[in-house]
């Protein structure tokens, strides 16, 4: 079956006796070129193991299975997970796991199903859990080479934002600390059924080739970043006063790194945040 065909999608959903659940991010792709773009951007071949989150009716899963050595798809909806088990029963390189991707042990999944393979994430992510999922992938020290996902364009813009832009924030710095993000393609609402109210984007986060900065204390770095963006209109000196350091010390630290007492957090790049955090040790 052509899983990007609207009539096929409706028939499957009717057969399952379930309705489209927007609260679970169930917007199914009906443009095959978008699916092909995501698979191509991931750079996978038969050597690779793939983790997919939110496979829906298996549109992306089917394409991934044709290219990758192994695909592990994690689906929250029990009815859809049951359908996927049956739909992919003849695929010896596809494993369906019913569960909450935010709570599941990804290291264990990789150990059990993808051991010895280079591993990537490729997914059309449920938009309501995009940011926590991406941070879970990045923060849990998983052996991932890259993450290629479809997310809201607005979020993709923030992940790739540079210092001094309105989109730049704590999430930009966090993602760029762990990876090199790049927007691959903009995806219009019409490419989905039902169409979401937002424009989407395919973004690839390169982990394998990213040079992760050397930091003495990651926790302190992200405490400084969080404080800096807690109240964007405040100067960095005032924003960092919430960390309990002497105001004069903070002022001198910011001045030594940036050359200005009046600068705001959104104007600093990652290197400057690292320099400040290490003076806070």
C-alpha atoms as a PDB file:
ATOM      1  CA  UNK A   1       0.000   0.000   0.000  1.00  0.00           C
ATOM      2  CA  UNK A   2       1.039   3.588  -0.624  1.00  0.00           C
ATOM      3  CA  UNK A   3       1.084   4.939   2.919  1.00  0.00           C
ATOM      4  CA  UNK A   4       1.166   8.573   1.798  1.00  0.00           C
ATOM      5  CA  UNK A   5      -2.168   8.164   0.013  1.00  0.00           C
ATOM      6  CA  UNK A   6      -4.938   9.984   1.968  1.00  0.00           C
ATOM      7  CA  UNK A   7      -7.505   7.288   1.164  1.00  0.00           C
ATOM      8  CA  UNK A   8      -5.147   4.582   2.419  1.00  0.00           C
ATOM      9  CA  UNK A   9      -4.559   6.507   5.637  1.00  0.00           C
ATOM     10  CA  UNK A  10      -8.305   6.951   6.208  1.00  0.00           C
ATOM     11  CA  UNK A  11      -8.932   3.252   5.526  1.00  0.00           C
ATOM     12  CA  UNK A  12      -6.286   2.217   8.048  1.00  0.00           C
ATOM     13  CA  UNK A  13      -7.602   4.581  10.725  1.00  0.00           C
ATOM     14  CA  UNK A  14     -11.199   3.472  10.100  1.00  0.00           C
ATOM     15  CA  UNK A  15     -10.104  -0.150  10.285  1.00  0.00           C
ATOM     16  CA  UNK A  16      -8.519   0.528  13.645  1.00  0.00           C
ATOM     17  CA  UNK A  17     -11.658   2.260  14.836  1.00  0.00           C
ATOM     18  CA  UNK A  18      -9.685   5.293  15.971  1.00  0.00           C
ATOM     19  CA  UNK A  19      -9.818   8.960  15.072  1.00  0.00           C
ATOM     20  CA  UNK A  20      -6.923  11.278  14.321  1.00  0.00           C
ATOM     21  CA  UNK A  21      -5.574  12.436  17.672  1.00  0.00           C
ATOM     22  CA  UNK A  22      -3.992  15.872  17.323  1.00  0.00           C
ATOM     23  CA  UNK A  23      -3.083  15.867  21.014  1.00  0.00           C
ATOM     24  CA  UNK A  24      -0.705  12.981  20.253  1.00  0.00           C
ATOM     25  CA  UNK A  25       0.712  14.743  17.216  1.00  0.00           C
ATOM     26  CA  UNK A  26      -0.982  12.405  14.742  1.00  0.00           C
ATOM     27  CA  UNK A  27      -0.497  14.327  11.503  1.00  0.00           C
ATOM     28  CA  UNK A  28       0.339  11.809   8.790  1.00  0.00           C
ATOM     29  CA  UNK A  29       2.593  12.617   5.832  1.00  0.00           C
ATOM     30  CA  UNK A  30       0.940  12.539   2.413  1.00  0.00           C
ATOM     31  CA  UNK A  31       3.946  13.812   0.421  1.00  0.00           C
ATOM     32  CA  UNK A  32       6.403  11.004  -0.306  1.00  0.00           C
ATOM     33  CA  UNK A  33       9.156  13.425  -1.317  1.00  0.00           C
ATOM     34  CA  UNK A  34       9.276  14.626   2.297  1.00  0.00           C
ATOM     35  CA  UNK A  35       9.693  11.059   3.533  1.00  0.00           C
ATOM     36  CA  UNK A  36      12.465  10.455   0.985  1.00  0.00           C
ATOM     37  CA  UNK A  37      14.173  13.707   2.004  1.00  0.00           C
ATOM     38  CA  UNK A  38      14.284  12.693   5.674  1.00  0.00           C
ATOM     39  CA  UNK A  39      15.723   9.267   4.846  1.00  0.00           C
ATOM     40  CA  UNK A  40      18.319  10.711   2.463  1.00  0.00           C
ATOM     41  CA  UNK A  41      19.342  13.421   4.941  1.00  0.00           C
ATOM     42  CA  UNK A  42      19.980  10.820   7.640  1.00  0.00           C
ATOM     43  CA  UNK A  43      22.758   9.297   5.532  1.00  0.00           C
ATOM     44  CA  UNK A  44      21.850   5.730   6.489  1.00  0.00           C
ATOM     45  CA  UNK A  45      22.578   2.491   4.685  1.00  0.00           C
ATOM     46  CA  UNK A  46      22.346  -1.223   5.520  1.00  0.00           C
ATOM     47  CA  UNK A  47      24.989  -0.877   8.252  1.00  0.00           C
ATOM     48  CA  UNK A  48      22.820   1.434  10.348  1.00  0.00           C
ATOM     49  CA  UNK A  49      20.382   0.926  13.170  1.00  0.00           C
ATOM     50  CA  UNK A  50      17.587   3.503  13.374  1.00  0.00           C
ATOM     51  CA  UNK A  51      15.437   4.647  16.284  1.00  0.00           C
ATOM     52  CA  UNK A  52      12.113   6.114  15.185  1.00  0.00           C
ATOM     53  CA  UNK A  53       9.677   7.822  17.572  1.00  0.00           C
ATOM     54  CA  UNK A  54       6.010   8.253  16.678  1.00  0.00           C
ATOM     55  CA  UNK A  55       5.844   6.044  13.561  1.00  0.00           C
ATOM     56  CA  UNK A  56       2.083   6.505  13.145  1.00  0.00           C
ATOM     57  CA  UNK A  57       0.861   4.117  10.456  1.00  0.00           C
ATOM     58  CA  UNK A  58       4.442   3.339   9.400  1.00  0.00           C
ATOM     59  CA  UNK A  59       4.962   5.668   6.445  1.00  0.00           C
ATOM     60  CA  UNK A  60       8.530   6.600   7.409  1.00  0.00           C
ATOM     61  CA  UNK A  61       9.129   3.179   9.004  1.00  0.00           C
ATOM     62  CA  UNK A  62       8.581   1.397   5.696  1.00  0.00           C
ATOM     63  CA  UNK A  63      11.033   3.639   3.849  1.00  0.00           C
ATOM     64  CA  UNK A  64      13.635   3.343   6.617  1.00  0.00           C
ATOM     65  CA  UNK A  65      13.347  -0.455   6.558  1.00  0.00           C
ATOM     66  CA  UNK A  66      14.245  -0.497   2.870  1.00  0.00           C
ATOM     67  CA  UNK A  67      17.531   1.289   3.525  1.00  0.00           C
ATOM     68  CA  UNK A  68      18.641   0.588   7.110  1.00  0.00           C
ATOM     69  CA  UNK A  69      19.869  -2.644   8.625  1.00  0.00           C
ATOM     70  CA  UNK A  70      17.446  -2.404  11.558  1.00  0.00           C
ATOM     71  CA  UNK A  71      14.626  -0.085  12.606  1.00  0.00           C
ATOM     72  CA  UNK A  72      13.225   0.188  16.132  1.00  0.00           C
ATOM     73  CA  UNK A  73       9.989   2.199  16.146  1.00  0.00           C
ATOM     74  CA  UNK A  74       8.533   3.446  19.449  1.00  0.00           C
ATOM     75  CA  UNK A  75       4.790   4.196  19.411  1.00  0.00           C
ATOM     76  CA  UNK A  76       2.753   5.515  22.344  1.00  0.00           C
ATOM     77  CA  UNK A  77      -0.760   4.759  21.015  1.00  0.00           C
ATOM     78  CA  UNK A  78      -1.630   1.135  21.861  1.00  0.00           C
ATOM     79  CA  UNK A  79      -4.064   0.677  18.963  1.00  0.00           C
ATOM     80  CA  UNK A  80      -1.569   1.952  16.419  1.00  0.00           C
ATOM     81  CA  UNK A  81       1.286  -0.043  17.973  1.00  0.00           C
ATOM     82  CA  UNK A  82      -0.811  -3.202  17.656  1.00  0.00           C
ATOM     83  CA  UNK A  83      -1.547  -2.390  14.009  1.00  0.00           C
ATOM     84  CA  UNK A  84       2.164  -1.804  13.357  1.00  0.00           C
ATOM     85  CA  UNK A  85       3.088  -5.172  14.876  1.00  0.00           C
ATOM     86  CA  UNK A  86       0.790  -6.850  12.346  1.00  0.00           C
ATOM     87  CA  UNK A  87       1.710  -4.578   9.437  1.00  0.00           C
ATOM     88  CA  UNK A  88       5.457  -5.210   9.828  1.00  0.00           C
ATOM     89  CA  UNK A  89       5.334  -8.833  10.962  1.00  0.00           C
ATOM     90  CA  UNK A  90       7.030  -9.945   7.726  1.00  0.00           C
ATOM     91  CA  UNK A  91       9.842  -7.395   8.119  1.00  0.00           C
ATOM     92  CA  UNK A  92      12.713  -9.108   9.929  1.00  0.00           C
ATOM     93  CA  UNK A  93      14.531  -5.776  10.356  1.00  0.00           C
ATOM     94  CA  UNK A  94      11.677  -3.855  12.047  1.00  0.00           C
ATOM     95  CA  UNK A  95      10.861  -3.964  15.770  1.00  0.00           C
ATOM     96  CA  UNK A  96       7.813  -2.170  17.163  1.00  0.00           C
ATOM     97  CA  UNK A  97       7.868  -1.108  20.811  1.00  0.00           C
ATOM     98  CA  UNK A  98       4.784   0.279  22.503  1.00  0.00           C
ATOM     99  CA  UNK A  99       5.744   2.860  25.092  1.00  0.00           C
ATOM    100  CA  UNK A 100       6.450   6.445  26.045  1.00  0.00           C
ATOM    101  CA  UNK A 101       9.670   7.571  24.359  1.00  0.00           C
ATOM    102  CA  UNK A 102      10.256  10.137  27.102  1.00  0.00           C
ATOM    103  CA  UNK A 103      10.305   7.421  29.770  1.00  0.00           C
ATOM    104  CA  UNK A 104      11.775   4.468  27.903  1.00  0.00           C
ATOM    105  CA  UNK A 105      15.378   3.351  28.434  1.00  0.00           C
ATOM    106  CA  UNK A 106      16.999   4.124  25.085  1.00  0.00           C
ATOM    107  CA  UNK A 107      20.386   2.752  26.121  1.00  0.00           C
ATOM    108  CA  UNK A 108      18.753  -0.594  26.818  1.00  0.00           C
ATOM    109  CA  UNK A 109      16.950  -0.538  23.467  1.00  0.00           C
ATOM    110  CA  UNK A 110      20.217   0.131  21.649  1.00  0.00           C
ATOM    111  CA  UNK A 111      21.962  -2.630  23.633  1.00  0.00           C
ATOM    112  CA  UNK A 112      19.210  -5.171  22.936  1.00  0.00           C
ATOM    113  CA  UNK A 113      18.332  -4.373  19.332  1.00  0.00           C
ATOM    114  CA  UNK A 114      21.081  -2.282  17.712  1.00  0.00           C
ATOM    115  CA  UNK A 115      24.277  -3.449  19.373  1.00  0.00           C
ATOM    116  CA  UNK A 116      27.380  -3.158  17.199  1.00  0.00           C
ATOM    117  CA  UNK A 117      25.659  -0.901  14.655  1.00  0.00           C
ATOM    118  CA  UNK A 118      26.104   2.830  14.074  1.00  0.00           C
ATOM    119  CA  UNK A 119      22.863   4.322  15.417  1.00  0.00           C
ATOM    120  CA  UNK A 120      20.822   7.354  14.337  1.00  0.00           C
ATOM    121  CA  UNK A 121      17.422   8.811  15.171  1.00  0.00           C
ATOM    122  CA  UNK A 122      15.060   9.496  12.259  1.00  0.00           C
ATOM    123  CA  UNK A 123      11.497  10.550  13.043  1.00  0.00           C
ATOM    124  CA  UNK A 124       8.493  12.719  12.381  1.00  0.00           C
ATOM    125  CA  UNK A 125       8.338  13.819  16.023  1.00  0.00           C
ATOM    126  CA  UNK A 126       5.082  14.490  17.861  1.00  0.00           C
ATOM    127  CA  UNK A 127       5.243  18.278  18.140  1.00  0.00           C
ATOM    128  CA  UNK A 128       3.949  18.457  21.702  1.00  0.00           C
ATOM    129  CA  UNK A 129       7.079  16.696  23.040  1.00  0.00           C
ATOM    130  CA  UNK A 130       9.666  17.880  20.505  1.00  0.00           C
ATOM    131  CA  UNK A 131      12.026  19.773  22.812  1.00  0.00           C
ATOM    132  CA  UNK A 132      12.118  17.288  25.728  1.00  0.00           C
ATOM    133  CA  UNK A 133      12.639  14.403  23.281  1.00  0.00           C
ATOM    134  CA  UNK A 134      15.518  16.097  21.489  1.00  0.00           C
ATOM    135  CA  UNK A 135      17.170  16.932  24.808  1.00  0.00           C
ATOM    136  CA  UNK A 136      16.687  13.337  25.967  1.00  0.00           C
ATOM    137  CA  UNK A 137      18.479  12.116  22.828  1.00  0.00           C
ATOM    138  CA  UNK A 138      21.331  14.581  23.378  1.00  0.00           C
ATOM    139  CA  UNK A 139      21.766  14.498  27.149  1.00  0.00           C
ATOM    140  CA  UNK A 140      21.644  10.772  27.851  1.00  0.00           C
ATOM    141  CA  UNK A 141      25.077  10.086  26.362  1.00  0.00           C
ATOM    142  CA  UNK A 142      23.634   7.716  23.775  1.00  0.00           C
ATOM    143  CA  UNK A 143      25.906   6.344  21.037  1.00  0.00           C
ATOM    144  CA  UNK A 144      24.141   8.345  18.310  1.00  0.00           C
ATOM    145  CA  UNK A 145      25.774   9.614  15.128  1.00  0.00           C
ATOM    146  CA  UNK A 146      22.966  12.008  14.221  1.00  0.00           C
ATOM    147  CA  UNK A 147      19.353  12.999  14.756  1.00  0.00           C
ATOM    148  CA  UNK A 148      17.179  13.760  11.707  1.00  0.00           C
ATOM    149  CA  UNK A 149      13.666  14.811  12.639  1.00  0.00           C
ATOM    150  CA  UNK A 150      10.615  16.673  11.414  1.00  0.00           C
ATOM    151  CA  UNK A 151       9.615  19.401  13.855  1.00  0.00           C
ATOM    152  CA  UNK A 152       7.879  22.770  13.856  1.00  0.00           C
ATOM    153  CA  UNK A 153       9.805  25.293  11.764  1.00  0.00           C
ATOM    154  CA  UNK A 154       9.620  27.766  14.628  1.00  0.00           C
ATOM    155  CA  UNK A 155      11.417  25.298  16.880  1.00  0.00           C
ATOM    156  CA  UNK A 156      13.932  24.389  14.170  1.00  0.00           C
ATOM    157  CA  UNK A 157      14.755  28.078  13.777  1.00  0.00           C
ATOM    158  CA  UNK A 158      15.439  28.316  17.511  1.00  0.00           C
ATOM    159  CA  UNK A 159      17.686  25.255  17.519  1.00  0.00           C
ATOM    160  CA  UNK A 160      19.831  26.719  14.725  1.00  0.00           C
ATOM    161  CA  UNK A 161      19.716  30.359  15.868  1.00  0.00           C
ATOM    162  CA  UNK A 162      22.872  32.419  16.208  1.00  0.00           C
ATOM    163  CA  UNK A 163      23.729  34.861  18.995  1.00  0.00           C
ATOM    164  CA  UNK A 164      22.036  38.237  18.651  1.00  0.00           C
ATOM    165  CA  UNK A 165      18.925  36.977  16.856  1.00  0.00           C
ATOM    166  CA  UNK A 166      15.420  36.971  18.340  1.00  0.00           C
ATOM    167  CA  UNK A 167      15.153  33.185  18.001  1.00  0.00           C
ATOM    168  CA  UNK A 168      18.353  32.614  20.019  1.00  0.00           C
ATOM    169  CA  UNK A 169      17.885  31.188  23.489  1.00  0.00           C
ATOM    170  CA  UNK A 170      18.873  28.538  26.018  1.00  0.00           C
ATOM    171  CA  UNK A 171      17.651  25.697  23.769  1.00  0.00           C
ATOM    172  CA  UNK A 172      19.841  27.004  20.895  1.00  0.00           C
ATOM    173  CA  UNK A 173      22.914  26.815  23.110  1.00  0.00           C
ATOM    174  CA  UNK A 174      22.024  23.395  24.509  1.00  0.00           C
ATOM    175  CA  UNK A 175      21.546  21.817  21.079  1.00  0.00           C
ATOM    176  CA  UNK A 176      24.661  23.509  19.663  1.00  0.00           C
ATOM    177  CA  UNK A 177      26.694  22.319  22.655  1.00  0.00           C
ATOM    178  CA  UNK A 178      25.956  18.697  21.759  1.00  0.00           C
ATOM    179  CA  UNK A 179      25.632  18.850  17.950  1.00  0.00           C
ATOM    180  CA  UNK A 180      25.797  20.817  14.705  1.00  0.00           C
ATOM    181  CA  UNK A 181      22.146  21.477  13.695  1.00  0.00           C
ATOM    182  CA  UNK A 182      21.089  22.260  10.124  1.00  0.00           C
ATOM    183  CA  UNK A 183      17.663  22.835   8.584  1.00  0.00           C
ATOM    184  CA  UNK A 184      17.375  20.535   5.566  1.00  0.00           C
ATOM    185  CA  UNK A 185      13.917  21.349   4.189  1.00  0.00           C
ATOM    186  CA  UNK A 186      10.849  23.440   4.973  1.00  0.00           C
ATOM    187  CA  UNK A 187       7.616  21.399   4.905  1.00  0.00           C
ATOM    188  CA  UNK A 188       4.229  23.024   4.285  1.00  0.00           C
ATOM    189  CA  UNK A 189       1.098  22.053   6.282  1.00  0.00           C
ATOM    190  CA  UNK A 190      -0.435  20.647   3.074  1.00  0.00           C
ATOM    191  CA  UNK A 191       2.086  17.793   3.202  1.00  0.00           C
ATOM    192  CA  UNK A 192       0.175  16.285   6.155  1.00  0.00           C
ATOM    193  CA  UNK A 193      -3.250  14.859   6.892  1.00  0.00           C
ATOM    194  CA  UNK A 194      -4.838  16.423   8.815  1.00  0.00           C
ATOM    195  CA  UNK A 195      -2.765  19.549   8.092  1.00  0.00           C
ATOM    196  CA  UNK A 196      -1.239  21.091  11.228  1.00  0.00           C
ATOM    197  CA  UNK A 197      -1.622  24.805  11.883  1.00  0.00           C
ATOM    198  CA  UNK A 198       2.115  25.358  11.617  1.00  0.00           C
ATOM    199  CA  UNK A 199       4.849  25.022   9.019  1.00  0.00           C
ATOM    200  CA  UNK A 200       7.322  22.216   9.660  1.00  0.00           C
ATOM    201  CA  UNK A 201      10.984  21.584   8.925  1.00  0.00           C
ATOM    202  CA  UNK A 202      13.351  18.654   8.613  1.00  0.00           C
ATOM    203  CA  UNK A 203      16.386  19.313  10.768  1.00  0.00           C
ATOM    204  CA  UNK A 204      19.542  17.228  11.068  1.00  0.00           C
ATOM    205  CA  UNK A 205      21.753  17.381  14.160  1.00  0.00           C
ATOM    206  CA  UNK A 206      25.221  16.013  13.451  1.00  0.00           C
ATOM    207  CA  UNK A 207      26.718  14.503  16.604  1.00  0.00           C
ATOM    208  CA  UNK A 208      29.469  12.315  15.154  1.00  0.00           C
ATOM    209  CA  UNK A 209      31.391  15.146  13.468  1.00  0.00           C
ATOM    210  CA  UNK A 210      30.622  17.766  16.094  1.00  0.00           C
ATOM    211  CA  UNK A 211      33.510  18.925  18.264  1.00  0.00           C
ATOM    212  CA  UNK A 212      31.965  19.184  21.716  1.00  0.00           C
ATOM    213  CA  UNK A 213      33.484  22.076  23.705  1.00  0.00           C
ATOM    214  CA  UNK A 214      35.624  21.234  26.715  1.00  0.00           C
ATOM    215  CA  UNK A 215      33.876  22.376  29.885  1.00  0.00           C
ATOM    216  CA  UNK A 216      34.961  22.025  33.498  1.00  0.00           C
ATOM    217  CA  UNK A 217      31.425  21.822  34.857  1.00  0.00           C
ATOM    218  CA  UNK A 218      28.452  21.226  32.525  1.00  0.00           C
ATOM    219  CA  UNK A 219      25.932  21.791  35.329  1.00  0.00           C
ATOM    220  CA  UNK A 220      27.354  25.220  36.061  1.00  0.00           C
ATOM    221  CA  UNK A 221      27.402  26.088  32.343  1.00  0.00           C
ATOM    222  CA  UNK A 222      23.708  25.349  31.957  1.00  0.00           C
ATOM    223  CA  UNK A 223      22.846  27.088  35.239  1.00  0.00           C
ATOM    224  CA  UNK A 224      24.495  30.230  33.848  1.00  0.00           C
ATOM    225  CA  UNK A 225      22.696  29.853  30.493  1.00  0.00           C
ATOM    226  CA  UNK A 226      19.324  29.271  32.157  1.00  0.00           C
ATOM    227  CA  UNK A 227      19.768  32.321  34.391  1.00  0.00           C
ATOM    228  CA  UNK A 228      20.888  34.472  31.447  1.00  0.00           C
ATOM    229  CA  UNK A 229      17.693  33.747  29.506  1.00  0.00           C
ATOM    230  CA  UNK A 230      15.356  33.618  32.494  1.00  0.00           C
ATOM    231  CA  UNK A 231      14.492  37.269  31.947  1.00  0.00           C
ATOM    232  CA  UNK A 232      15.680  38.325  28.508  1.00  0.00           C
ATOM    233  CA  UNK A 233      15.189  42.049  29.060  1.00  0.00           C
ATOM    234  CA  UNK A 234      17.613  42.115  31.965  1.00  0.00           C
ATOM    235  CA  UNK A 235      21.305  42.742  31.470  1.00  0.00           C
ATOM    236  CA  UNK A 236      23.465  39.667  31.933  1.00  0.00           C
ATOM    237  CA  UNK A 237      24.881  41.115  35.163  1.00  0.00           C
ATOM    238  CA  UNK A 238      21.404  41.434  36.667  1.00  0.00           C
ATOM    239  CA  UNK A 239      20.211  38.093  35.305  1.00  0.00           C
ATOM    240  CA  UNK A 240      23.163  36.215  36.819  1.00  0.00           C
ATOM    241  CA  UNK A 241      22.568  37.773  40.233  1.00  0.00           C
ATOM    242  CA  UNK A 242      20.060  34.958  40.848  1.00  0.00           C
ATOM    243  CA  UNK A 243      22.994  32.522  41.127  1.00  0.00           C
ATOM    244  CA  UNK A 244      23.986  33.908  44.514  1.00  0.00           C
ATOM    245  CA  UNK A 245      27.325  35.421  43.590  1.00  0.00           C
ATOM    246  CA  UNK A 246      28.555  38.842  44.707  1.00  0.00           C
ATOM    247  CA  UNK A 247      27.257  41.543  42.333  1.00  0.00           C
ATOM    248  CA  UNK A 248      30.706  43.110  41.948  1.00  0.00           C
ATOM    249  CA  UNK A 249      32.179  39.712  41.087  1.00  0.00           C
ATOM    250  CA  UNK A 250      29.492  39.138  38.458  1.00  0.00           C
ATOM    251  CA  UNK A 251      30.030  42.586  36.948  1.00  0.00           C
ATOM    252  CA  UNK A 252      33.797  42.109  36.727  1.00  0.00           C
ATOM    253  CA  UNK A 253      33.374  38.626  35.258  1.00  0.00           C
ATOM    254  CA  UNK A 254      30.955  39.767  32.546  1.00  0.00           C
ATOM    255  CA  UNK A 255      33.142  42.763  31.775  1.00  0.00           C
ATOM    256  CA  UNK A 256      36.285  40.638  31.436  1.00  0.00           C
ATOM    257  CA  UNK A 257      34.611  38.212  29.010  1.00  0.00           C
ATOM    258  CA  UNK A 258      32.410  40.554  26.953  1.00  0.00           C
ATOM    259  CA  UNK A 259      33.882  44.027  27.433  1.00  0.00           C
ATOM    260  CA  UNK A 260      30.510  45.413  28.511  1.00  0.00           C
ATOM    261  CA  UNK A 261      28.517  45.582  31.754  1.00  0.00           C
ATOM    262  CA  UNK A 262      25.299  46.290  29.858  1.00  0.00           C
ATOM    263  CA  UNK A 263      25.294  43.306  27.524  1.00  0.00           C
ATOM    264  CA  UNK A 264      22.338  40.891  27.525  1.00  0.00           C
ATOM    265  CA  UNK A 265      22.575  37.109  27.472  1.00  0.00           C
ATOM    266  CA  UNK A 266      21.177  36.828  23.957  1.00  0.00           C
ATOM    267  CA  UNK A 267      24.286  38.581  22.629  1.00  0.00           C
ATOM    268  CA  UNK A 268      26.784  35.989  23.929  1.00  0.00           C
ATOM    269  CA  UNK A 269      27.916  32.938  21.998  1.00  0.00           C
ATOM    270  CA  UNK A 270      28.565  29.514  23.522  1.00  0.00           C
ATOM    271  CA  UNK A 271      32.287  30.141  23.984  1.00  0.00           C
ATOM    272  CA  UNK A 272      31.594  33.263  26.045  1.00  0.00           C
ATOM    273  CA  UNK A 273      29.074  31.423  28.223  1.00  0.00           C
ATOM    274  CA  UNK A 274      31.678  28.744  28.866  1.00  0.00           C
ATOM    275  CA  UNK A 275      34.243  31.363  29.860  1.00  0.00           C
ATOM    276  CA  UNK A 276      31.813  32.951  32.309  1.00  0.00           C
ATOM    277  CA  UNK A 277      30.682  29.632  33.799  1.00  0.00           C
ATOM    278  CA  UNK A 278      34.276  28.613  34.486  1.00  0.00           C
ATOM    279  CA  UNK A 279      34.902  31.848  36.375  1.00  0.00           C
ATOM    280  CA  UNK A 280      31.882  30.950  38.521  1.00  0.00           C
ATOM    281  CA  UNK A 281      33.579  27.760  39.698  1.00  0.00           C
END
